[in-house]
């Protein structure tokens, strides 16, 4: 999904370590919370280890790994920082680093050294606070800790302002963005900076955005999703990353309504412009979209083939119901809400039959058939109860069964007419259907 530009000048990063003899010097880039190797072993040339290539490196934070001294350190790469020299002691690269040819990397190491001192002092104060019993001394420790927080906040802001427009400023702002509440978080994220994709920070902003709205309901999540995708259009690589991350998240995060968010992203940003993506990707997105749509109101329902509990046969619910509209409810053993919903169906069952409905229930559990049969017989369902312990019909996907009870009304055209979640909605719907 990420584009790599080809530029004539390429890159050359020379390292001159002092101290331990090194067997390998590696270069890796960050992508979310992982690292991926670019160069497994830099060649040695006249006392320098050299990372060199004919094509420029994509912008981001890169990590240098020193095998023998077991040390690592990070450096910054962007269009203006592809050729520079680093000299350092291999036992403590950060403290001893000397940079030639890259102002932002020189300041990056200076900043890290200042932050290290603050962290060391903060740890000392945290330890002292843990064992201190004198209230007046505890108050003084808290004052000093607050001052460290202030210095930290001021330090990154000062650097971001002084080096505004550089990857250093964008990286530090993004690193601290999630400390701000609400919409103000995005004031500190430069969506036009593709280098943020190759940091451990940018994806945390996306995750924070998701977490802050995950309980808002599908329609508000869609609105917020459109908002962040719109901001990401400032850069093609950022846009591709953000849309793909959100699409994949809502594909795999199973919660009521999240299938609708996936369909929204798929239709609006992928399937509306298929020529911009690979054929295999579009097929995958389209297939998942169709599966998720089958459980959404207004769309074609998916036929289910499952075993009838208490019978030695398998039926298709559409064939069995014929031209009748269908009530299909998914339930689980030991679920009190399911028991209430089942009692409601029993109460209104004769009225449902009079209105021409065919009622099916299907147990969501993966217990043995005999276990489900015992529970079903104990409950004395007067309708058709089904089971599919191995999910052979893929009912959990096609009907997005992530909690129970959930009931679907399927009309005589085999479209989802309504989706009811929980015994309150189900009971109210059954009452209306039988009035």
Protein backbone atom coordinates (compact mmCIF):
# COMPACT_ATOMS: atom_id res chain seq x y z
CA UNK A 1 0.00 0.00 0.00
CA UNK A 2 2.94 2.35 0.54
CA UNK A 3 4.66 3.97 -2.41
CA UNK A 4 8.46 4.15 -2.56
CA UNK A 5 9.80 7.02 -4.63
CA UNK A 6 12.76 6.51 -6.90
CA UNK A 7 15.20 9.43 -6.90
CA UNK A 8 18.50 9.76 -8.68
CA UNK A 9 20.61 10.81 -5.72
CA UNK A 10 19.90 7.71 -3.59
CA UNK A 11 21.18 7.61 -0.01
CA UNK A 12 24.49 7.19 1.81
CA UNK A 13 24.71 7.01 5.59
CA UNK A 14 28.21 6.46 6.96
CA UNK A 15 28.81 5.21 10.49
CA UNK A 16 32.11 5.26 12.36
CA UNK A 17 31.78 3.38 15.65
CA UNK A 18 34.53 3.30 18.23
CA UNK A 19 34.95 0.57 20.80
CA UNK A 20 33.78 -3.00 20.34
CA UNK A 21 34.56 -4.69 17.07
CA UNK A 22 31.24 -5.06 15.23
CA UNK A 23 30.22 -8.11 13.27
CA UNK A 24 27.06 -6.66 11.74
CA UNK A 25 25.46 -3.26 11.49
CA UNK A 26 21.83 -3.41 10.41
CA UNK A 27 19.32 -0.79 9.28
CA UNK A 28 15.59 -1.20 9.90
CA UNK A 29 12.55 1.04 9.61
CA UNK A 30 9.59 1.36 11.93
CA UNK A 31 6.09 0.41 10.82
CA UNK A 32 3.51 0.63 13.60
CA UNK A 33 4.92 -1.32 16.56
CA UNK A 34 7.30 -3.45 14.49
CA UNK A 35 10.60 -3.03 12.68
CA UNK A 36 11.57 -4.32 9.24
CA UNK A 37 15.09 -4.74 7.92
CA UNK A 38 16.30 -2.62 5.03
CA UNK A 39 19.94 -3.71 5.16
CA UNK A 40 21.00 -6.84 7.01
CA UNK A 41 24.73 -6.08 7.09
CA UNK A 42 26.40 -2.80 6.09
CA UNK A 43 29.72 -3.18 4.23
CA UNK A 44 32.87 -1.79 5.86
CA UNK A 45 34.79 0.85 3.91
CA UNK A 46 37.93 2.50 5.29
CA UNK A 47 36.79 2.35 8.91
CA UNK A 48 33.19 3.28 8.15
CA UNK A 49 30.12 1.12 7.90
CA UNK A 50 28.05 2.38 4.98
CA UNK A 51 24.35 2.15 4.22
CA UNK A 52 24.08 3.00 0.54
CA UNK A 53 21.48 2.68 -2.19
CA UNK A 54 20.64 4.13 -5.59
CA UNK A 55 17.03 4.86 -4.63
CA UNK A 56 16.13 7.26 -1.86
CA UNK A 57 14.75 5.79 1.35
CA UNK A 58 11.13 6.58 2.21
CA UNK A 59 10.93 9.11 5.04
CA UNK A 60 10.55 7.92 8.60
CA UNK A 61 12.35 6.84 11.75
CA UNK A 62 15.00 4.20 11.13
CA UNK A 63 16.82 2.07 13.66
CA UNK A 64 20.50 1.13 13.53
CA UNK A 65 21.24 -2.19 15.20
CA UNK A 66 24.78 -2.96 16.41
CA UNK A 67 25.06 -6.71 16.73
CA UNK A 68 28.09 -7.22 18.96
CA UNK A 69 27.57 -4.38 21.43
CA UNK A 70 23.83 -5.10 21.47
CA UNK A 71 23.05 -1.40 21.11
CA UNK A 72 20.46 0.31 18.95
CA UNK A 73 19.69 3.91 18.14
CA UNK A 74 17.21 5.74 15.95
CA UNK A 75 17.76 8.31 13.23
CA UNK A 76 15.55 10.37 10.94
CA UNK A 77 15.24 10.07 7.18
CA UNK A 78 13.47 12.46 4.82
CA UNK A 79 14.20 14.07 1.45
CA UNK A 80 16.82 16.38 2.97
CA UNK A 81 18.46 13.75 5.21
CA UNK A 82 19.74 10.94 3.04
CA UNK A 83 23.48 11.65 3.14
CA UNK A 84 25.25 12.16 6.46
CA UNK A 85 27.92 10.79 8.79
CA UNK A 86 27.55 9.43 12.33
CA UNK A 87 30.48 8.96 14.71
CA UNK A 88 29.93 7.39 18.13
CA UNK A 89 31.11 5.00 20.80
CA UNK A 90 29.49 1.65 20.14
CA UNK A 91 28.88 1.06 23.87
CA UNK A 92 26.77 4.23 24.23
CA UNK A 93 25.82 5.63 20.83
CA UNK A 94 23.21 8.12 21.98
CA UNK A 95 25.40 9.84 24.58
CA UNK A 96 28.43 10.08 22.30
CA UNK A 97 26.82 10.70 18.91
CA UNK A 98 28.39 13.29 16.58
CA UNK A 99 26.44 14.09 13.41
CA UNK A 100 27.82 15.68 10.24
CA UNK A 101 25.59 16.65 7.34
CA UNK A 102 22.14 16.49 8.99
CA UNK A 103 20.91 19.29 11.22
CA UNK A 104 17.70 17.50 12.17
CA UNK A 105 19.53 14.35 13.23
CA UNK A 106 22.02 16.41 15.24
CA UNK A 107 19.12 18.06 17.08
CA UNK A 108 17.31 14.71 17.34
CA UNK A 109 20.20 13.24 19.33
CA UNK A 110 20.53 16.41 21.43
CA UNK A 111 16.83 16.19 22.23
CA UNK A 112 17.09 12.51 23.18
CA UNK A 113 19.96 13.26 25.54
CA UNK A 114 17.93 15.99 27.26
CA UNK A 115 14.95 13.67 27.57
CA UNK A 116 17.13 10.88 28.99
CA UNK A 117 18.28 13.18 31.80
CA UNK A 118 14.68 14.09 32.59
CA UNK A 119 13.63 10.43 32.62
CA UNK A 120 16.51 9.47 34.92
CA UNK A 121 15.57 12.25 37.33
CA UNK A 122 11.89 11.32 37.16
CA UNK A 123 12.71 7.69 38.01
CA UNK A 124 14.78 8.83 40.98
CA UNK A 125 11.89 10.95 42.27
CA UNK A 126 9.35 8.17 41.69
CA UNK A 127 11.52 5.80 43.73
CA UNK A 128 11.96 8.38 46.50
CA UNK A 129 8.21 9.01 46.58
CA UNK A 130 7.50 5.31 46.93
CA UNK A 131 9.41 5.08 50.21
CA UNK A 132 8.92 8.58 51.62
CA UNK A 133 6.56 8.96 54.60
CA UNK A 134 7.08 12.61 55.46
CA UNK A 135 4.13 14.59 54.00
CA UNK A 136 6.12 17.80 53.53
CA UNK A 137 8.84 15.94 51.62
CA UNK A 138 6.21 14.15 49.52
CA UNK A 139 4.80 17.54 48.60
CA UNK A 140 8.24 18.71 47.47
CA UNK A 141 8.70 15.56 45.38
CA UNK A 142 5.36 16.16 43.67
CA UNK A 143 6.41 19.72 42.89
CA UNK A 144 9.62 18.46 41.30
CA UNK A 145 7.76 15.82 39.30
CA UNK A 146 5.37 18.47 38.01
CA UNK A 147 8.34 20.60 36.99
CA UNK A 148 9.78 17.65 35.02
CA UNK A 149 6.46 17.24 33.22
CA UNK A 150 6.50 20.94 32.39
CA UNK A 151 10.07 20.75 31.09
CA UNK A 152 9.24 17.74 28.95
CA UNK A 153 6.20 19.44 27.43
CA UNK A 154 8.10 22.65 26.82
CA UNK A 155 11.10 20.84 25.32
CA UNK A 156 9.24 19.08 22.51
CA UNK A 157 7.18 22.18 21.76
CA UNK A 158 10.33 24.31 21.51
CA UNK A 159 12.00 21.86 19.14
CA UNK A 160 8.85 21.48 17.04
CA UNK A 161 8.57 25.26 16.70
CA UNK A 162 12.27 25.82 15.98
CA UNK A 163 12.38 23.09 13.33
CA UNK A 164 8.87 23.61 11.97
CA UNK A 165 8.37 21.98 8.58
CA UNK A 166 10.87 19.18 9.19
CA UNK A 167 10.29 15.52 9.92
CA UNK A 168 11.72 16.13 13.41
CA UNK A 169 8.98 18.65 14.25
CA UNK A 170 6.27 16.47 12.70
CA UNK A 171 7.49 13.39 14.53
CA UNK A 172 7.62 15.04 17.98
CA UNK A 173 4.19 16.61 17.51
CA UNK A 174 2.71 13.27 16.44
CA UNK A 175 4.39 11.52 19.37
CA UNK A 176 2.60 13.84 21.80
CA UNK A 177 -0.69 14.20 19.90
CA UNK A 178 -2.56 11.53 21.87
CA UNK A 179 -2.03 13.47 25.11
CA UNK A 180 -4.56 16.01 23.83
CA UNK A 181 -8.27 15.36 24.15
CA UNK A 182 -10.96 15.32 21.52
CA UNK A 183 -10.49 16.90 18.12
CA UNK A 184 -7.47 18.93 19.29
CA UNK A 185 -5.35 15.78 18.89
CA UNK A 186 -5.30 16.31 15.12
CA UNK A 187 -3.86 19.81 15.49
CA UNK A 188 -0.55 18.07 16.19
CA UNK A 189 -0.60 15.63 13.27
CA UNK A 190 0.74 16.70 9.89
CA UNK A 191 -1.18 14.43 7.49
CA UNK A 192 0.94 15.75 4.63
CA UNK A 193 4.04 14.09 6.14
CA UNK A 194 4.36 10.51 4.76
CA UNK A 195 7.29 9.87 7.08
CA UNK A 196 4.86 9.56 9.99
CA UNK A 197 3.72 6.20 8.60
CA UNK A 198 7.18 4.82 9.38
CA UNK A 199 7.15 5.77 13.05
CA UNK A 200 5.80 3.98 16.13
CA UNK A 201 3.47 6.96 16.77
CA UNK A 202 1.16 7.61 13.84
CA UNK A 203 -0.82 4.40 14.09
CA UNK A 204 -1.38 5.16 17.78
CA UNK A 205 -3.12 8.37 16.74
CA UNK A 206 -5.43 6.33 14.48
CA UNK A 207 -6.09 3.86 17.29
CA UNK A 208 -6.77 6.68 19.73
CA UNK A 209 -9.25 8.14 17.24
CA UNK A 210 -11.01 4.76 17.01
CA UNK A 211 -11.06 4.27 20.79
CA UNK A 212 -12.56 7.71 21.39
CA UNK A 213 -15.54 6.96 19.13
CA UNK A 214 -15.99 3.18 19.33
CA UNK A 215 -19.05 3.49 21.58
CA UNK A 216 -20.69 6.26 19.52
CA UNK A 217 -22.71 3.99 17.23
CA UNK A 218 -22.20 3.10 13.59
CA UNK A 219 -23.45 6.33 12.02
CA UNK A 220 -21.28 8.59 14.17
CA UNK A 221 -18.28 6.29 13.64
CA UNK A 222 -18.83 6.60 9.88
CA UNK A 223 -18.93 10.38 10.18
CA UNK A 224 -15.71 10.44 12.20
CA UNK A 225 -14.11 7.96 9.81
CA UNK A 226 -14.92 10.21 6.84
CA UNK A 227 -13.40 13.11 8.75
CA UNK A 228 -10.02 11.51 9.39
CA UNK A 229 -9.85 10.05 5.88
CA UNK A 230 -10.54 13.51 4.47
CA UNK A 231 -7.59 14.90 6.46
CA UNK A 232 -5.36 12.06 5.25
CA UNK A 233 -5.90 13.11 1.62
CA UNK A 234 -3.11 15.65 2.16
CA UNK A 235 -0.72 12.87 1.07
CA UNK A 236 -1.37 9.82 -1.08
CA UNK A 237 0.68 7.42 1.06
CA UNK A 238 -0.96 8.66 4.25
CA UNK A 239 -4.40 8.34 2.64
CA UNK A 240 -3.70 4.77 1.52
CA UNK A 241 -2.44 3.84 4.98
CA UNK A 242 -5.34 5.42 6.89
CA UNK A 243 -8.09 3.98 4.69
CA UNK A 244 -6.53 0.52 4.76
CA UNK A 245 -5.96 0.58 8.52
CA UNK A 246 -9.57 1.60 9.20
CA UNK A 247 -10.97 -0.87 6.69
CA UNK A 248 -9.00 -3.74 8.18
CA UNK A 249 -9.83 -2.72 11.75
CA UNK A 250 -13.57 -2.75 11.15
CA UNK A 251 -13.24 -6.01 9.22
CA UNK A 252 -11.76 -7.79 12.24
CA UNK A 253 -13.24 -5.93 15.24
CA UNK A 254 -16.47 -7.76 15.94
CA UNK A 255 -19.03 -5.54 17.63
CA UNK A 256 -22.60 -4.72 16.67
CA UNK A 257 -22.60 -2.08 13.94
CA UNK A 258 -18.97 -2.47 12.92
CA UNK A 259 -19.96 -4.44 9.82
CA UNK A 260 -21.86 -1.36 8.68
CA UNK A 261 -18.75 0.79 9.12
CA UNK A 262 -16.73 -1.67 7.04
CA UNK A 263 -19.32 -1.59 4.26
CA UNK A 264 -19.29 2.21 4.32
CA UNK A 265 -15.49 2.39 3.92
CA UNK A 266 -15.45 -0.36 1.30
CA UNK A 267 -18.14 1.26 -0.85
CA UNK A 268 -17.00 4.86 -0.51
CA UNK A 269 -13.23 4.55 -0.75
CA UNK A 270 -12.45 1.25 -2.50
CA UNK A 271 -15.26 -0.12 -4.62
CA UNK A 272 -16.24 3.30 -5.96
CA UNK A 273 -12.80 3.59 -7.56
CA UNK A 274 -11.60 0.01 -8.22
CA UNK A 275 -9.05 0.96 -10.89
CA UNK A 276 -6.87 2.54 -8.19
CA UNK A 277 -6.28 -0.81 -6.48
CA UNK A 278 -5.15 -4.28 -7.42
CA UNK A 279 -7.71 -6.73 -8.73
CA UNK A 280 -7.05 -9.17 -5.87
CA UNK A 281 -7.58 -6.46 -3.26
CA UNK A 282 -10.84 -5.31 -4.82
CA UNK A 283 -12.10 -8.91 -4.96
CA UNK A 284 -11.27 -9.41 -1.29
CA UNK A 285 -12.95 -6.15 -0.25
CA UNK A 286 -16.00 -6.82 -2.42
CA UNK A 287 -16.43 -10.35 -1.08
CA UNK A 288 -16.24 -9.22 2.54
CA UNK A 289 -18.55 -6.29 1.78
CA UNK A 290 -21.16 -8.66 0.34
CA UNK A 291 -20.92 -10.92 3.40
CA UNK A 292 -21.36 -8.03 5.82
CA UNK A 293 -24.17 -6.47 3.76
CA UNK A 294 -26.23 -9.64 4.05
CA UNK A 295 -26.92 -8.84 7.74
CA UNK A 296 -27.84 -5.20 7.14
CA UNK A 297 -31.39 -3.91 6.91
CA UNK A 298 -32.52 -3.41 3.34
CA UNK A 299 -30.12 -5.90 1.79
CA UNK A 300 -30.58 -9.48 0.57
CA UNK A 301 -30.46 -12.00 3.39
CA UNK A 302 -28.27 -15.08 3.16
CA UNK A 303 -29.89 -18.49 3.02
CA UNK A 304 -28.84 -20.84 5.82
CA UNK A 305 -28.53 -24.59 5.65
CA UNK A 306 -28.39 -26.21 9.10
CA UNK A 307 -29.41 -29.31 11.03
CA UNK A 308 -32.86 -29.43 12.61
CA UNK A 309 -32.54 -30.12 16.31
CA UNK A 310 -34.36 -33.37 17.14
CA UNK A 311 -34.45 -34.48 13.51
CA UNK A 312 -31.94 -36.35 11.42
CA UNK A 313 -31.99 -33.91 8.51
CA UNK A 314 -30.62 -30.61 7.25
CA UNK A 315 -32.84 -27.87 5.85
CA UNK A 316 -32.48 -24.59 3.97
CA UNK A 317 -34.53 -21.96 5.74
CA UNK A 318 -35.60 -20.26 2.50
CA UNK A 319 -36.78 -23.51 0.95
CA UNK A 320 -38.53 -24.62 4.13
CA UNK A 321 -40.34 -21.30 4.59
CA UNK A 322 -41.45 -21.13 0.98
CA UNK A 323 -43.18 -17.80 0.39
CA UNK A 324 -43.60 -17.01 4.10
CA UNK A 325 -41.70 -14.17 5.77
CA UNK A 326 -39.13 -15.42 8.26
CA UNK A 327 -38.24 -14.70 11.86
CA UNK A 328 -34.72 -15.91 12.56
CA UNK A 329 -33.25 -15.57 16.04
CA UNK A 330 -29.81 -16.60 17.30
CA UNK A 331 -29.52 -17.68 20.93
CA UNK A 332 -26.97 -19.16 23.35
CA UNK A 333 -27.18 -21.60 26.24
CA UNK A 334 -26.98 -20.01 29.67
CA UNK A 335 -27.95 -16.59 28.29
CA UNK A 336 -30.64 -15.01 30.44
CA UNK A 337 -31.44 -12.40 27.79
CA UNK A 338 -31.93 -15.22 25.28
CA UNK A 339 -34.31 -16.97 27.69
CA UNK A 340 -36.39 -13.79 27.92
CA UNK A 341 -36.46 -13.41 24.13
CA UNK A 342 -37.46 -17.06 23.70
CA UNK A 343 -40.27 -16.66 26.23
CA UNK A 344 -41.47 -13.63 24.24
CA UNK A 345 -41.55 -15.68 21.02
CA UNK A 346 -43.50 -18.40 22.85
CA UNK A 347 -45.98 -15.83 24.11
CA UNK A 348 -46.57 -14.36 20.66
CA UNK A 349 -46.00 -17.55 18.65
CA UNK A 350 -49.62 -18.35 17.79
CA UNK A 351 -50.10 -14.77 16.64
CA UNK A 352 -46.98 -14.98 14.49
CA UNK A 353 -48.26 -18.17 12.84
CA UNK A 354 -51.60 -16.49 12.17
CA UNK A 355 -49.76 -13.60 10.52
CA UNK A 356 -47.97 -16.09 8.27
CA UNK A 357 -44.46 -16.04 9.74
CA UNK A 358 -42.13 -19.01 9.76
CA UNK A 359 -40.01 -18.99 12.92
CA UNK A 360 -36.47 -20.39 13.17
CA UNK A 361 -33.94 -20.21 15.97
CA UNK A 362 -30.30 -21.24 15.78
CA UNK A 363 -27.98 -21.89 18.71
CA UNK A 364 -24.77 -19.87 18.55
CA UNK A 365 -22.81 -22.32 20.73
CA UNK A 366 -20.19 -24.76 19.50
CA UNK A 367 -21.17 -27.42 22.04
CA UNK A 368 -21.93 -30.95 20.92
CA UNK A 369 -25.17 -31.58 19.06
CA UNK A 370 -26.46 -33.72 21.92
CA UNK A 371 -25.86 -30.91 24.42
CA UNK A 372 -27.76 -28.41 22.26
CA UNK A 373 -30.54 -30.96 21.66
CA UNK A 374 -30.95 -31.49 25.41
CA UNK A 375 -31.27 -27.75 26.05
CA UNK A 376 -33.61 -27.25 23.09
CA UNK A 377 -35.92 -30.08 24.20
CA UNK A 378 -35.91 -28.76 27.77
CA UNK A 379 -37.07 -25.39 26.50
CA UNK A 380 -39.82 -27.03 24.41
CA UNK A 381 -39.61 -24.76 21.39
CA UNK A 382 -42.77 -25.01 19.23
CA UNK A 383 -40.86 -23.71 16.19
CA UNK A 384 -37.93 -25.03 14.14
CA UNK A 385 -34.69 -24.96 16.14
CA UNK A 386 -31.42 -25.36 14.25
CA UNK A 387 -27.80 -25.96 15.12
CA UNK A 388 -24.50 -25.61 13.29
CA UNK A 389 -21.80 -26.36 15.85
CA UNK A 390 -18.98 -26.10 13.31
CA UNK A 391 -20.31 -22.95 11.61
CA UNK A 392 -20.43 -24.78 8.29
CA UNK A 393 -23.05 -22.33 7.04
CA UNK A 394 -20.89 -19.38 8.19
CA UNK A 395 -23.94 -17.97 9.95
CA UNK A 396 -21.78 -15.93 12.34
CA UNK A 397 -20.31 -14.02 9.40
CA UNK A 398 -23.40 -13.73 7.18
CA UNK A 399 -25.60 -12.64 10.08
CA UNK A 400 -22.82 -10.95 12.05
CA UNK A 401 -23.64 -12.85 15.22
CA UNK A 402 -21.30 -11.27 17.77
CA UNK A 403 -23.76 -11.31 20.68
CA UNK A 404 -27.08 -12.92 21.50
CA UNK A 405 -30.00 -12.70 21.34
CA UNK A 406 -30.26 -11.13 17.91
CA UNK A 407 -33.31 -11.50 15.69
CA UNK A 408 -33.79 -10.82 11.99
CA UNK A 409 -37.05 -10.26 10.15
CA UNK A 410 -36.70 -11.49 6.57
CA UNK A 411 -39.47 -10.50 4.18
CA UNK A 412 -40.98 -12.62 1.41
CA UNK A 413 -38.46 -11.12 -1.06
CA UNK A 414 -35.71 -12.48 1.20
CA UNK A 415 -34.48 -9.07 2.26
CA UNK A 416 -33.60 -8.05 5.82
CA UNK A 417 -36.60 -6.02 6.97
CA UNK A 418 -35.41 -5.45 10.54
CA UNK A 419 -32.62 -6.39 12.94
CA UNK A 420 -33.43 -6.51 16.65
CA UNK A 421 -30.78 -6.76 19.36
CA UNK A 422 -31.58 -7.82 22.93
CA UNK A 423 -34.80 -9.03 24.52
CA UNK A 424 -36.34 -5.56 24.87
CA UNK A 425 -36.16 -4.77 21.14
CA UNK A 426 -37.19 -8.32 20.23
CA UNK A 427 -40.23 -8.34 22.56
CA UNK A 428 -41.39 -4.94 21.31
CA UNK A 429 -41.05 -6.03 17.66
CA UNK A 430 -42.98 -9.28 18.28
CA UNK A 431 -45.78 -7.32 19.93
CA UNK A 432 -46.04 -5.01 16.94
CA UNK A 433 -45.99 -7.91 14.47
CA UNK A 434 -48.94 -9.64 16.16
CA UNK A 435 -51.17 -6.60 16.77
